[in-house]
Amino acid sequence: MNETTDIGATAIERIASEIRARERFLLTAHEGPDGDALGSLLGMHHLLTQLGKDSVMFLAAKEFPLPIEYRFLPLEEVFHEAPADMADRAVVFLDCGNIDRMPVDFLSADGSFKINIDHHHDNTLFGDVNLVEVDASCTAEIVYELAILLGAEISPEIAAALYVGLVTDTGKFMYENTNARTHRIAADLIEAGVDVDETYRRLYEHVPLEKLRLLSRALDGIQHHCDGRLVLAYVTAADYEASGGGEEMTEGIIDHLRSIEGSKVAALIRDQGDRGRAARKVSLRSSGGEIDVSAMARQHGGGGHKRAAGFSTDLELDELVTFLCGEVKTQLGP
């Protein structure tokens, strides 16, 4: 057993001990939650409930409506404000590389006990206890391991939630984070009751016409920079109005950009409206793995993986292009 595995085993045992010893929990995930964040959140909630714990889920109201792909998940019980007994609850952060990925004051307040469960390589270890397994394909995989250690039954509800995290964060089992362990866990979840066909259809085939119109506008406006090494699309407020779609319908657009031949970095820039947030959000993908896009995102308070990251900003488009091209040249050379 190598050093990384030893550390992971010690950390997961510590987390399991804290869960056994405590009764009340509040669970949260990063802002702009993706399939892994939501699947891990819901799976952990079902796990704690099965163990007889008092568990509540929290996501800020600004995160709703969720992207179309994830609206089938049963998240009606999610809190948008701190529960009255917040002082008595341990906070479990799921899929958060740093505490600022869920920028809500009461979650970062001194005095709360913080449990950090994640798989991002740039995690800042902000928790009172940290379970960060960078070799895991997704945070849902770590929640699965924790459930097994705690002796829980992988119920159909837990399995369905964790499978969403698994299938989305591995790009339908196509990304480099997919390995034999990933498939073994997927098999266990399917045996526990996952309806693979229904899950796939809900994630990838329930596409509103407005989303396709928005996709069409984004692809029609593709820009090439840095000798084609940076491929970029900018979804504006005018695009939302013309297509009838909203920001929540931009999920998946960047996957089309990353597939363009010759590109090294794909960037999707989108307007966020006036809901008290930064003017724009930037999603980044490293097409061939040569560039660490998480290093780029961290310079603007964001984060993620080496091949998938993002940040929010008030920079204008030309300033963003200058920054991104500069980073491409820094990492690849002129």
C-alpha atoms as a PDB file:
ATOM      1  CA  MET A   1       0.000   0.000   0.000  1.00  0.00           C
ATOM      2  CA  ASN A   2       1.552   3.319  -1.051  1.00  0.00           C
ATOM      3  CA  GLU A   3       1.774   6.491   1.005  1.00  0.00           C
ATOM      4  CA  THR A   4      -1.185   8.150  -0.716  1.00  0.00           C
ATOM      5  CA  THR A   5      -3.422   5.182   0.044  1.00  0.00           C
ATOM      6  CA  ASP A   6      -2.264   5.115   3.657  1.00  0.00           C
ATOM      7  CA  ILE A   7      -3.123   8.780   4.081  1.00  0.00           C
ATOM      8  CA  GLY A   8      -6.501   8.274   2.415  1.00  0.00           C
ATOM      9  CA  ALA A   9      -7.342   5.334   4.674  1.00  0.00           C
ATOM     10  CA  THR A  10      -6.460   7.323   7.801  1.00  0.00           C
ATOM     11  CA  ALA A  11      -8.519  10.290   6.619  1.00  0.00           C
ATOM     12  CA  ILE A  12     -11.577   8.244   5.726  1.00  0.00           C
ATOM     13  CA  GLU A  13     -11.494   6.487   9.088  1.00  0.00           C
ATOM     14  CA  ARG A  14     -11.348   9.870  10.841  1.00  0.00           C
ATOM     15  CA  ILE A  15     -14.313  11.136   8.831  1.00  0.00           C
ATOM     16  CA  ALA A  16     -16.255   7.963   9.606  1.00  0.00           C
ATOM     17  CA  SER A  17     -15.542   8.423  13.320  1.00  0.00           C
ATOM     18  CA  GLU A  18     -16.776  12.011  13.230  1.00  0.00           C
ATOM     19  CA  ILE A  19     -19.971  10.938  11.483  1.00  0.00           C
ATOM     20  CA  ARG A  20     -20.601   8.181  14.026  1.00  0.00           C
ATOM     21  CA  ALA A  21     -20.010  10.588  16.926  1.00  0.00           C
ATOM     22  CA  ARG A  22     -22.198  13.449  15.675  1.00  0.00           C
ATOM     23  CA  GLU A  23     -25.950  13.663  15.206  1.00  0.00           C
ATOM     24  CA  ARG A  24     -26.674  16.791  13.169  1.00  0.00           C
ATOM     25  CA  PHE A  25     -25.193  17.783   9.824  1.00  0.00           C
ATOM     26  CA  LEU A  26     -25.606  20.417   7.147  1.00  0.00           C
ATOM     27  CA  LEU A  27     -24.397  19.382   3.690  1.00  0.00           C
ATOM     28  CA  THR A  28     -23.381  21.724   0.899  1.00  0.00           C
ATOM     29  CA  ALA A  29     -21.471  21.713  -2.395  1.00  0.00           C
ATOM     30  CA  HIS A  30     -19.746  24.271  -4.594  1.00  0.00           C
ATOM     31  CA  GLU A  31     -21.590  27.114  -6.303  1.00  0.00           C
ATOM     32  CA  GLY A  32     -22.727  26.411  -9.836  1.00  0.00           C
ATOM     33  CA  PRO A  33     -23.105  22.743  -8.853  1.00  0.00           C
ATOM     34  CA  ASP A  34     -22.478  20.083 -11.495  1.00  0.00           C
ATOM     35  CA  GLY A  35     -23.528  16.436 -11.538  1.00  0.00           C
ATOM     36  CA  ASP A  36     -20.847  15.311  -9.110  1.00  0.00           C
ATOM     37  CA  ALA A  37     -21.610  18.079  -6.616  1.00  0.00           C
ATOM     38  CA  LEU A  38     -25.359  17.399  -6.709  1.00  0.00           C
ATOM     39  CA  GLY A  39     -25.045  13.620  -6.790  1.00  0.00           C
ATOM     40  CA  SER A  40     -22.609  13.622  -3.875  1.00  0.00           C
ATOM     41  CA  LEU A  41     -24.811  16.033  -1.929  1.00  0.00           C
ATOM     42  CA  LEU A  42     -27.926  13.924  -2.374  1.00  0.00           C
ATOM     43  CA  GLY A  43     -26.100  10.610  -1.884  1.00  0.00           C
ATOM     44  CA  MET A  44     -24.503  11.812   1.342  1.00  0.00           C
ATOM     45  CA  HIS A  45     -27.882  13.058   2.585  1.00  0.00           C
ATOM     46  CA  HIS A  46     -29.484   9.654   2.005  1.00  0.00           C
ATOM     47  CA  LEU A  47     -26.488   7.959   3.646  1.00  0.00           C
ATOM     48  CA  LEU A  48     -26.695  10.057   6.817  1.00  0.00           C
ATOM     49  CA  THR A  49     -30.469   9.679   6.983  1.00  0.00           C
ATOM     50  CA  GLN A  50     -30.134   5.905   6.718  1.00  0.00           C
ATOM     51  CA  LEU A  51     -27.684   6.018   9.648  1.00  0.00           C
ATOM     52  CA  GLY A  52     -30.301   7.818  11.742  1.00  0.00           C
ATOM     53  CA  LYS A  53     -28.615  11.218  11.570  1.00  0.00           C
ATOM     54  CA  ASP A  54     -30.339  14.592  11.239  1.00  0.00           C
ATOM     55  CA  SER A  55     -29.178  15.827   7.834  1.00  0.00           C
ATOM     56  CA  VAL A  56     -30.178  18.919   5.863  1.00  0.00           C
ATOM     57  CA  MET A  57     -28.888  20.060   2.476  1.00  0.00           C
ATOM     58  CA  PHE A  58     -28.056  23.676   1.626  1.00  0.00           C
ATOM     59  CA  LEU A  59     -27.584  25.476  -1.676  1.00  0.00           C
ATOM     60  CA  ALA A  60     -27.981  29.223  -2.124  1.00  0.00           C
ATOM     61  CA  ALA A  61     -31.190  30.361  -3.810  1.00  0.00           C
ATOM     62  CA  LYS A  62     -29.164  31.868  -6.659  1.00  0.00           C
ATOM     63  CA  GLU A  63     -28.222  28.341  -7.796  1.00  0.00           C
ATOM     64  CA  PHE A  64     -31.795  27.743  -8.919  1.00  0.00           C
ATOM     65  CA  PRO A  65     -33.131  26.926 -11.386  1.00  0.00           C
ATOM     66  CA  LEU A  66     -30.598  24.164 -11.831  1.00  0.00           C
ATOM     67  CA  PRO A  67     -29.380  23.213 -15.308  1.00  0.00           C
ATOM     68  CA  ILE A  68     -32.025  21.227 -17.185  1.00  0.00           C
ATOM     69  CA  GLU A  69     -29.942  18.058 -16.934  1.00  0.00           C
ATOM     70  CA  TYR A  70     -30.177  17.881 -13.150  1.00  0.00           C
ATOM     71  CA  ARG A  71     -33.749  18.906 -12.463  1.00  0.00           C
ATOM     72  CA  PHE A  72     -34.902  15.298 -12.186  1.00  0.00           C
ATOM     73  CA  LEU A  73     -32.870  14.895  -8.988  1.00  0.00           C
ATOM     74  CA  PRO A  74     -35.110  14.978  -5.872  1.00  0.00           C
ATOM     75  CA  LEU A  75     -33.740  18.149  -4.284  1.00  0.00           C
ATOM     76  CA  GLU A  76     -37.004  19.702  -3.116  1.00  0.00           C
ATOM     77  CA  GLU A  77     -35.844  19.587   0.516  1.00  0.00           C
ATOM     78  CA  VAL A  78     -32.766  21.745  -0.061  1.00  0.00           C
ATOM     79  CA  PHE A  79     -32.498  24.696   2.363  1.00  0.00           C
ATOM     80  CA  HIS A  80     -31.713  28.166   0.964  1.00  0.00           C
ATOM     81  CA  GLU A  81     -31.063  29.721   4.377  1.00  0.00           C
ATOM     82  CA  ALA A  82     -29.328  28.614   7.558  1.00  0.00           C
ATOM     83  CA  PRO A  83     -31.468  26.350   9.748  1.00  0.00           C
ATOM     84  CA  ALA A  84     -32.322  27.675  13.216  1.00  0.00           C
ATOM     85  CA  ASP A  85     -30.078  25.092  14.898  1.00  0.00           C
ATOM     86  CA  MET A  86     -27.070  25.782  12.654  1.00  0.00           C
ATOM     87  CA  ALA A  87     -24.774  26.127  15.667  1.00  0.00           C
ATOM     88  CA  ASP A  88     -25.389  22.466  16.520  1.00  0.00           C
ATOM     89  CA  ARG A  89     -24.564  21.100  13.061  1.00  0.00           C
ATOM     90  CA  ALA A  90     -21.306  19.969  11.517  1.00  0.00           C
ATOM     91  CA  VAL A  91     -20.905  21.342   7.989  1.00  0.00           C
ATOM     92  CA  VAL A  92     -19.975  18.813   5.301  1.00  0.00           C
ATOM     93  CA  PHE A  93     -18.497  20.410   2.188  1.00  0.00           C
ATOM     94  CA  LEU A  94     -18.718  18.131  -0.849  1.00  0.00           C
ATOM     95  CA  ASP A  95     -16.712  18.641  -4.046  1.00  0.00           C
ATOM     96  CA  CYS A  96     -15.407  22.044  -2.876  1.00  0.00           C
ATOM     97  CA  GLY A  97     -11.763  22.712  -3.721  1.00  0.00           C
ATOM     98  CA  ASN A  98     -11.741  25.680  -1.351  1.00  0.00           C
ATOM     99  CA  ILE A  99     -14.205  27.211   1.052  1.00  0.00           C
ATOM    100  CA  ASP A 100     -14.820  30.180  -1.245  1.00  0.00           C
ATOM    101  CA  ARG A 101     -16.427  27.852  -3.811  1.00  0.00           C
ATOM    102  CA  MET A 102     -19.572  28.206  -1.674  1.00  0.00           C
ATOM    103  CA  PRO A 103     -19.353  31.876  -0.691  1.00  0.00           C
ATOM    104  CA  VAL A 104     -21.978  32.002   2.059  1.00  0.00           C
ATOM    105  CA  ASP A 105     -20.948  33.689   5.304  1.00  0.00           C
ATOM    106  CA  PHE A 106     -22.578  31.361   7.812  1.00  0.00           C
ATOM    107  CA  LEU A 107     -20.846  28.321   6.264  1.00  0.00           C
ATOM    108  CA  SER A 108     -17.377  29.718   6.831  1.00  0.00           C
ATOM    109  CA  ALA A 109     -18.084  31.171  10.285  1.00  0.00           C
ATOM    110  CA  ASP A 110     -15.629  30.412  13.065  1.00  0.00           C
ATOM    111  CA  GLY A 111     -16.861  27.815  15.508  1.00  0.00           C
ATOM    112  CA  SER A 112     -18.587  25.484  13.057  1.00  0.00           C
ATOM    113  CA  PHE A 113     -17.009  22.061  12.632  1.00  0.00           C
ATOM    114  CA  LYS A 114     -16.118  21.590   8.963  1.00  0.00           C
ATOM    115  CA  ILE A 115     -15.773  18.256   7.173  1.00  0.00           C
ATOM    116  CA  ASN A 116     -14.169  18.531   3.742  1.00  0.00           C
ATOM    117  CA  ILE A 117     -14.759  15.682   1.253  1.00  0.00           C
ATOM    118  CA  ASP A 118     -13.336  16.225  -2.217  1.00  0.00           C
ATOM    119  CA  HIS A 119     -11.123  14.957  -5.041  1.00  0.00           C
ATOM    120  CA  HIS A 120      -9.646  18.167  -6.522  1.00  0.00           C
ATOM    121  CA  HIS A 121      -5.863  18.220  -6.623  1.00  0.00           C
ATOM    122  CA  ASP A 122      -5.751  21.882  -5.569  1.00  0.00           C
ATOM    123  CA  ASN A 123      -7.970  21.481  -2.496  1.00  0.00           C
ATOM    124  CA  THR A 124      -6.830  23.883   0.234  1.00  0.00           C
ATOM    125  CA  LEU A 125      -7.598  21.453   3.102  1.00  0.00           C
ATOM    126  CA  PHE A 126      -9.796  24.032   4.805  1.00  0.00           C
ATOM    127  CA  GLY A 127     -11.743  21.576   6.953  1.00  0.00           C
ATOM    128  CA  ASP A 128     -11.271  20.594  10.564  1.00  0.00           C
ATOM    129  CA  VAL A 129     -11.034  17.121   9.036  1.00  0.00           C
ATOM    130  CA  ASN A 130     -10.235  16.578   5.367  1.00  0.00           C
ATOM    131  CA  LEU A 131     -10.845  13.614   3.103  1.00  0.00           C
ATOM    132  CA  VAL A 132      -9.286  14.557  -0.229  1.00  0.00           C
ATOM    133  CA  GLU A 133      -8.583  11.662  -2.579  1.00  0.00           C
ATOM    134  CA  VAL A 134      -7.057  13.109  -5.732  1.00  0.00           C
ATOM    135  CA  ASP A 135      -6.949   9.689  -7.370  1.00  0.00           C
ATOM    136  CA  ALA A 136     -10.723   9.272  -7.088  1.00  0.00           C
ATOM    137  CA  SER A 137     -12.644   9.810 -10.306  1.00  0.00           C
ATOM    138  CA  CYS A 138     -15.166  12.015  -8.519  1.00  0.00           C
ATOM    139  CA  THR A 139     -16.408  12.985  -5.069  1.00  0.00           C
ATOM    140  CA  ALA A 140     -19.322  10.556  -5.463  1.00  0.00           C
ATOM    141  CA  GLU A 141     -16.769   7.736  -5.511  1.00  0.00           C
ATOM    142  CA  ILE A 142     -15.446   8.877  -2.114  1.00  0.00           C
ATOM    143  CA  VAL A 143     -18.968   9.044  -0.676  1.00  0.00           C
ATOM    144  CA  TYR A 144     -19.466   5.463  -1.890  1.00  0.00           C
ATOM    145  CA  GLU A 145     -16.269   4.354  -0.099  1.00  0.00           C
ATOM    146  CA  LEU A 146     -17.433   6.134   3.052  1.00  0.00           C
ATOM    147  CA  ALA A 147     -20.819   4.397   2.892  1.00  0.00           C
ATOM    148  CA  ILE A 148     -19.114   0.999   2.667  1.00  0.00           C
ATOM    149  CA  LEU A 149     -16.836   1.801   5.616  1.00  0.00           C
ATOM    150  CA  LEU A 150     -19.834   2.924   7.695  1.00  0.00           C
ATOM    151  CA  GLY A 151     -21.620  -0.353   6.948  1.00  0.00           C
ATOM    152  CA  ALA A 152     -24.504   1.316   5.156  1.00  0.00           C
ATOM    153  CA  GLU A 153     -26.696  -0.362   2.585  1.00  0.00           C
ATOM    154  CA  ILE A 154     -26.243   1.078  -0.899  1.00  0.00           C
ATOM    155  CA  SER A 155     -29.950   1.734  -1.330  1.00  0.00           C
ATOM    156  CA  PRO A 156     -31.491   2.529  -4.732  1.00  0.00           C
ATOM    157  CA  GLU A 157     -31.677   6.203  -3.675  1.00  0.00           C
ATOM    158  CA  ILE A 158     -27.987   6.377  -2.730  1.00  0.00           C
ATOM    159  CA  ALA A 159     -26.986   4.454  -5.841  1.00  0.00           C
ATOM    160  CA  ALA A 160     -29.000   6.670  -8.199  1.00  0.00           C
ATOM    161  CA  ALA A 161     -27.493   9.861  -6.765  1.00  0.00           C
ATOM    162  CA  LEU A 162     -23.903   8.632  -6.767  1.00  0.00           C
ATOM    163  CA  TYR A 163     -24.203   7.239 -10.284  1.00  0.00           C
ATOM    164  CA  VAL A 164     -25.050  10.724 -11.547  1.00  0.00           C
ATOM    165  CA  GLY A 165     -21.799  11.992 -10.021  1.00  0.00           C
ATOM    166  CA  LEU A 166     -19.857   9.103 -11.479  1.00  0.00           C
ATOM    167  CA  VAL A 167     -21.182   9.287 -15.034  1.00  0.00           C
ATOM    168  CA  THR A 168     -20.997  13.080 -15.362  1.00  0.00           C
ATOM    169  CA  ASP A 169     -17.551  13.683 -13.833  1.00  0.00           C
ATOM    170  CA  THR A 170     -15.994  10.949 -15.966  1.00  0.00           C
ATOM    171  CA  GLY A 171     -17.630  12.246 -19.156  1.00  0.00           C
ATOM    172  CA  LYS A 172     -19.717   9.081 -19.576  1.00  0.00           C
ATOM    173  CA  PHE A 173     -16.629   7.056 -18.545  1.00  0.00           C
ATOM    174  CA  MET A 174     -14.466   8.582 -21.293  1.00  0.00           C
ATOM    175  CA  TYR A 175     -12.163  10.971 -19.367  1.00  0.00           C
ATOM    176  CA  GLU A 176      -8.707  10.022 -18.135  1.00  0.00           C
ATOM    177  CA  ASN A 177      -9.957   9.868 -14.526  1.00  0.00           C
ATOM    178  CA  THR A 178     -11.863   6.683 -15.450  1.00  0.00           C
ATOM    179  CA  ASN A 179     -10.204   3.454 -14.326  1.00  0.00           C
ATOM    180  CA  ALA A 180     -11.072  -0.109 -13.373  1.00  0.00           C
ATOM    181  CA  ARG A 181     -12.158   1.003  -9.886  1.00  0.00           C
ATOM    182  CA  THR A 182     -14.583   3.472 -11.462  1.00  0.00           C
ATOM    183  CA  HIS A 183     -16.259   0.713 -13.440  1.00  0.00           C
ATOM    184  CA  ARG A 184     -16.404  -1.614 -10.436  1.00  0.00           C
ATOM    185  CA  ILE A 185     -18.198   1.055  -8.422  1.00  0.00           C
ATOM    186  CA  ALA A 186     -20.536   1.729 -11.345  1.00  0.00           C
ATOM    187  CA  ALA A 187     -21.346  -1.994 -11.465  1.00  0.00           C
ATOM    188  CA  ASP A 188     -22.109  -2.034  -7.734  1.00  0.00           C
ATOM    189  CA  LEU A 189     -24.392   0.989  -8.097  1.00  0.00           C
ATOM    190  CA  ILE A 190     -26.225  -0.599 -11.021  1.00  0.00           C
ATOM    191  CA  GLU A 191     -26.704  -3.799  -9.029  1.00  0.00           C
ATOM    192  CA  ALA A 192     -28.123  -1.641  -6.210  1.00  0.00           C
ATOM    193  CA  GLY A 193     -30.886  -0.363  -8.455  1.00  0.00           C
ATOM    194  CA  VAL A 194     -29.690   2.314 -10.900  1.00  0.00           C
ATOM    195  CA  ASP A 195     -31.774   2.513 -14.057  1.00  0.00           C
ATOM    196  CA  VAL A 196     -28.935   3.203 -16.497  1.00  0.00           C
ATOM    197  CA  ASP A 197     -31.115   3.956 -19.517  1.00  0.00           C
ATOM    198  CA  GLU A 198     -33.405   6.332 -17.621  1.00  0.00           C
ATOM    199  CA  THR A 199     -30.466   8.131 -16.001  1.00  0.00           C
ATOM    200  CA  TYR A 200     -28.738   8.598 -19.349  1.00  0.00           C
ATOM    201  CA  ARG A 201     -31.910   9.894 -21.008  1.00  0.00           C
ATOM    202  CA  ARG A 202     -32.604  12.359 -18.202  1.00  0.00           C
ATOM    203  CA  LEU A 203     -29.034  13.649 -18.258  1.00  0.00           C
ATOM    204  CA  TYR A 204     -28.436  13.807 -21.992  1.00  0.00           C
ATOM    205  CA  GLU A 205     -31.638  13.459 -24.010  1.00  0.00           C
ATOM    206  CA  HIS A 206     -34.206  15.750 -22.359  1.00  0.00           C
ATOM    207  CA  VAL A 207     -33.066  18.780 -24.355  1.00  0.00           C
ATOM    208  CA  PRO A 208     -35.396  21.783 -24.755  1.00  0.00           C
ATOM    209  CA  LEU A 209     -35.469  23.481 -28.144  1.00  0.00           C
ATOM    210  CA  GLU A 210     -34.303  26.715 -26.490  1.00  0.00           C
ATOM    211  CA  LYS A 211     -31.082  25.001 -25.410  1.00  0.00           C
ATOM    212  CA  LEU A 212     -30.334  23.890 -28.961  1.00  0.00           C
ATOM    213  CA  ARG A 213     -30.938  27.432 -30.189  1.00  0.00           C
ATOM    214  CA  LEU A 214     -28.523  28.748 -27.567  1.00  0.00           C
ATOM    215  CA  LEU A 215     -25.967  26.110 -28.552  1.00  0.00           C
ATOM    216  CA  SER A 216     -26.335  27.120 -32.184  1.00  0.00           C
ATOM    217  CA  ARG A 217     -25.641  30.777 -31.372  1.00  0.00           C
ATOM    218  CA  ALA A 218     -22.616  29.851 -29.250  1.00  0.00           C
ATOM    219  CA  LEU A 219     -21.085  27.630 -31.937  1.00  0.00           C
ATOM    220  CA  ASP A 220     -21.814  30.192 -34.646  1.00  0.00           C
ATOM    221  CA  GLY A 221     -19.715  32.707 -32.716  1.00  0.00           C
ATOM    222  CA  ILE A 222     -16.629  30.528 -32.076  1.00  0.00           C
ATOM    223  CA  GLN A 223     -13.375  32.488 -31.930  1.00  0.00           C
ATOM    224  CA  HIS A 224      -9.810  31.229 -32.421  1.00  0.00           C
ATOM    225  CA  HIS A 225      -6.899  32.889 -30.639  1.00  0.00           C
ATOM    226  CA  CYS A 226      -3.207  32.170 -30.020  1.00  0.00           C
ATOM    227  CA  ASP A 227      -2.729  30.495 -33.413  1.00  0.00           C
ATOM    228  CA  GLY A 228      -5.777  28.323 -32.819  1.00  0.00           C
ATOM    229  CA  ARG A 229      -4.577  26.986 -29.492  1.00  0.00           C
ATOM    230  CA  LEU A 230      -7.367  28.836 -27.649  1.00  0.00           C
ATOM    231  CA  VAL A 231     -10.936  28.200 -28.829  1.00  0.00           C
ATOM    232  CA  LEU A 232     -13.537  30.465 -27.269  1.00  0.00           C
ATOM    233  CA  ALA A 233     -17.267  31.091 -27.322  1.00  0.00           C
ATOM    234  CA  TYR A 234     -19.044  33.965 -25.591  1.00  0.00           C
ATOM    235  CA  VAL A 235     -22.706  33.587 -24.646  1.00  0.00           C
ATOM    236  CA  THR A 236     -24.179  37.031 -24.070  1.00  0.00           C
ATOM    237  CA  ALA A 237     -27.371  38.337 -22.527  1.00  0.00           C
ATOM    238  CA  ALA A 238     -28.548  38.986 -26.098  1.00  0.00           C
ATOM    239  CA  ASP A 239     -28.070  35.291 -26.904  1.00  0.00           C
ATOM    240  CA  TYR A 240     -30.297  34.322 -23.979  1.00  0.00           C
ATOM    241  CA  GLU A 241     -32.995  36.708 -25.138  1.00  0.00           C
ATOM    242  CA  ALA A 242     -32.853  35.618 -28.800  1.00  0.00           C
ATOM    243  CA  SER A 243     -32.854  31.891 -28.058  1.00  0.00           C
ATOM    244  CA  GLY A 244     -35.332  31.916 -25.184  1.00  0.00           C
ATOM    245  CA  GLY A 245     -32.811  29.990 -23.105  1.00  0.00           C
ATOM    246  CA  GLY A 246     -31.162  30.924 -19.824  1.00  0.00           C
ATOM    247  CA  GLU A 247     -27.739  30.593 -18.303  1.00  0.00           C
ATOM    248  CA  GLU A 248     -28.713  27.211 -16.884  1.00  0.00           C
ATOM    249  CA  MET A 249     -28.928  25.930 -20.476  1.00  0.00           C
ATOM    250  CA  THR A 250     -25.229  26.497 -21.214  1.00  0.00           C
ATOM    251  CA  GLU A 251     -24.270  23.162 -19.648  1.00  0.00           C
ATOM    252  CA  GLY A 252     -22.414  21.001 -22.171  1.00  0.00           C
ATOM    253  CA  ILE A 253     -21.564  23.728 -24.707  1.00  0.00           C
ATOM    254  CA  ILE A 254     -17.903  23.623 -23.767  1.00  0.00           C
ATOM    255  CA  ASP A 255     -17.678  19.932 -24.649  1.00  0.00           C
ATOM    256  CA  HIS A 256     -18.225  20.900 -28.284  1.00  0.00           C
ATOM    257  CA  LEU A 257     -15.434  23.470 -28.071  1.00  0.00           C
ATOM    258  CA  ARG A 258     -12.888  21.091 -26.553  1.00  0.00           C
ATOM    259  CA  SER A 259     -13.337  18.680 -29.460  1.00  0.00           C
ATOM    260  CA  ILE A 260     -12.157  21.161 -32.107  1.00  0.00           C
ATOM    261  CA  GLU A 261      -9.021  19.935 -33.847  1.00  0.00           C
ATOM    262  CA  GLY A 262      -5.833  21.757 -32.920  1.00  0.00           C
ATOM    263  CA  SER A 263      -7.165  23.458 -29.796  1.00  0.00           C
ATOM    264  CA  LYS A 264      -5.272  23.224 -26.511  1.00  0.00           C
ATOM    265  CA  VAL A 265      -7.693  25.173 -24.331  1.00  0.00           C
ATOM    266  CA  ALA A 266     -11.448  25.616 -24.737  1.00  0.00           C
ATOM    267  CA  ALA A 267     -13.125  28.522 -22.961  1.00  0.00           C
ATOM    268  CA  LEU A 268     -16.820  29.246 -22.580  1.00  0.00           C
ATOM    269  CA  ILE A 269     -17.550  32.756 -21.322  1.00  0.00           C
ATOM    270  CA  ARG A 270     -21.115  33.561 -20.374  1.00  0.00           C
ATOM    271  CA  ASP A 271     -22.974  36.523 -18.962  1.00  0.00           C
ATOM    272  CA  GLN A 272     -24.534  35.915 -15.559  1.00  0.00           C
ATOM    273  CA  GLY A 273     -27.074  38.709 -15.320  1.00  0.00           C
ATOM    274  CA  ASP A 274     -27.510  41.020 -12.346  1.00  0.00           C
ATOM    275  CA  ARG A 275     -28.227  38.670  -9.436  1.00  0.00           C
ATOM    276  CA  GLY A 276     -25.454  40.077  -7.260  1.00  0.00           C
ATOM    277  CA  ARG A 277     -22.768  37.992  -8.939  1.00  0.00           C
ATOM    278  CA  ALA A 278     -19.717  38.695 -11.058  1.00  0.00           C
ATOM    279  CA  ALA A 279     -20.635  39.783 -14.555  1.00  0.00           C
ATOM    280  CA  ARG A 280     -19.279  36.683 -16.291  1.00  0.00           C
ATOM    281  CA  LYS A 281     -18.446  33.094 -15.639  1.00  0.00           C
ATOM    282  CA  VAL A 282     -15.593  31.329 -17.435  1.00  0.00           C
ATOM    283  CA  SER A 283     -15.414  27.562 -17.919  1.00  0.00           C
ATOM    284  CA  LEU A 284     -12.119  26.086 -19.094  1.00  0.00           C
ATOM    285  CA  ARG A 285     -11.141  22.716 -20.546  1.00  0.00           C
ATOM    286  CA  SER A 286      -7.692  21.432 -21.470  1.00  0.00           C
ATOM    287  CA  SER A 287      -8.179  19.558 -24.722  1.00  0.00           C
ATOM    288  CA  GLY A 288      -5.006  17.468 -24.684  1.00  0.00           C
ATOM    289  CA  GLY A 289      -3.938  17.676 -21.073  1.00  0.00           C
ATOM    290  CA  GLU A 290      -0.840  19.756 -21.835  1.00  0.00           C
ATOM    291  CA  ILE A 291      -2.199  22.821 -20.045  1.00  0.00           C
ATOM    292  CA  ASP A 292      -3.281  22.978 -16.401  1.00  0.00           C
ATOM    293  CA  VAL A 293      -6.419  25.101 -16.586  1.00  0.00           C
ATOM    294  CA  SER A 294      -6.902  24.958 -12.808  1.00  0.00           C
ATOM    295  CA  ALA A 295      -3.739  27.075 -12.459  1.00  0.00           C
ATOM    296  CA  MET A 296      -5.351  29.650 -14.726  1.00  0.00           C
ATOM    297  CA  ALA A 297      -8.622  29.615 -12.780  1.00  0.00           C
ATOM    298  CA  ARG A 298      -6.924  30.007  -9.399  1.00  0.00           C
ATOM    299  CA  GLN A 299      -5.536  33.382 -10.445  1.00  0.00           C
ATOM    300  CA  HIS A 300      -9.106  34.695 -10.427  1.00  0.00           C
ATOM    301  CA  GLY A 301     -10.346  32.940  -7.299  1.00  0.00           C
ATOM    302  CA  GLY A 302     -11.628  29.844  -9.061  1.00  0.00           C
ATOM    303  CA  GLY A 303     -10.341  26.296  -9.232  1.00  0.00           C
ATOM    304  CA  GLY A 304     -10.999  22.804 -10.463  1.00  0.00           C
ATOM    305  CA  HIS A 305      -9.002  20.066 -12.126  1.00  0.00           C
ATOM    306  CA  LYS A 306      -5.986  20.239 -14.401  1.00  0.00           C
ATOM    307  CA  ARG A 307      -8.232  19.534 -17.378  1.00  0.00           C
ATOM    308  CA  ALA A 308     -11.476  21.196 -16.226  1.00  0.00           C
ATOM    309  CA  ALA A 309     -11.785  24.387 -14.183  1.00  0.00           C
ATOM    310  CA  GLY A 310     -13.593  27.702 -13.964  1.00  0.00           C
ATOM    311  CA  PHE A 311     -13.894  31.111 -12.348  1.00  0.00           C
ATOM    312  CA  SER A 312     -16.139  34.164 -12.170  1.00  0.00           C
ATOM    313  CA  THR A 313     -14.957  37.620 -13.160  1.00  0.00           C
ATOM    314  CA  ASP A 314     -15.879  41.188 -14.062  1.00  0.00           C
ATOM    315  CA  LEU A 315     -13.237  41.340 -16.815  1.00  0.00           C
ATOM    316  CA  GLU A 316     -14.440  42.278 -20.292  1.00  0.00           C
ATOM    317  CA  LEU A 317     -14.040  39.886 -23.208  1.00  0.00           C
ATOM    318  CA  ASP A 318     -10.892  41.493 -24.618  1.00  0.00           C
ATOM    319  CA  GLU A 319      -9.259  41.438 -21.181  1.00  0.00           C
ATOM    320  CA  LEU A 320     -10.164  37.766 -20.769  1.00  0.00           C
ATOM    321  CA  VAL A 321      -8.701  36.892 -24.170  1.00  0.00           C
ATOM    322  CA  THR A 322      -5.476  38.673 -23.255  1.00  0.00           C
ATOM    323  CA  PHE A 323      -5.269  36.822 -19.937  1.00  0.00           C
ATOM    324  CA  LEU A 324      -6.072  33.404 -21.394  1.00  0.00           C
ATOM    325  CA  CYS A 325      -3.663  33.776 -24.315  1.00  0.00           C
ATOM    326  CA  GLY A 326      -0.951  34.887 -21.935  1.00  0.00           C
ATOM    327  CA  GLU A 327      -1.472  31.789 -19.821  1.00  0.00           C
ATOM    328  CA  VAL A 328      -1.437  29.511 -22.865  1.00  0.00           C
ATOM    329  CA  LYS A 329       1.869  31.016 -23.982  1.00  0.00           C
ATOM    330  CA  THR A 330       3.304  30.772 -20.476  1.00  0.00           C
ATOM    331  CA  GLN A 331       2.525  27.076 -20.186  1.00  0.00           C
ATOM    332  CA  LEU A 332       3.212  26.012 -23.777  1.00  0.00           C
ATOM    333  CA  GLY A 333       5.763  28.568 -24.886  1.00  0.00           C
ATOM    334  CA  PRO A 334       5.343  31.179 -27.627  1.00  0.00           C
END
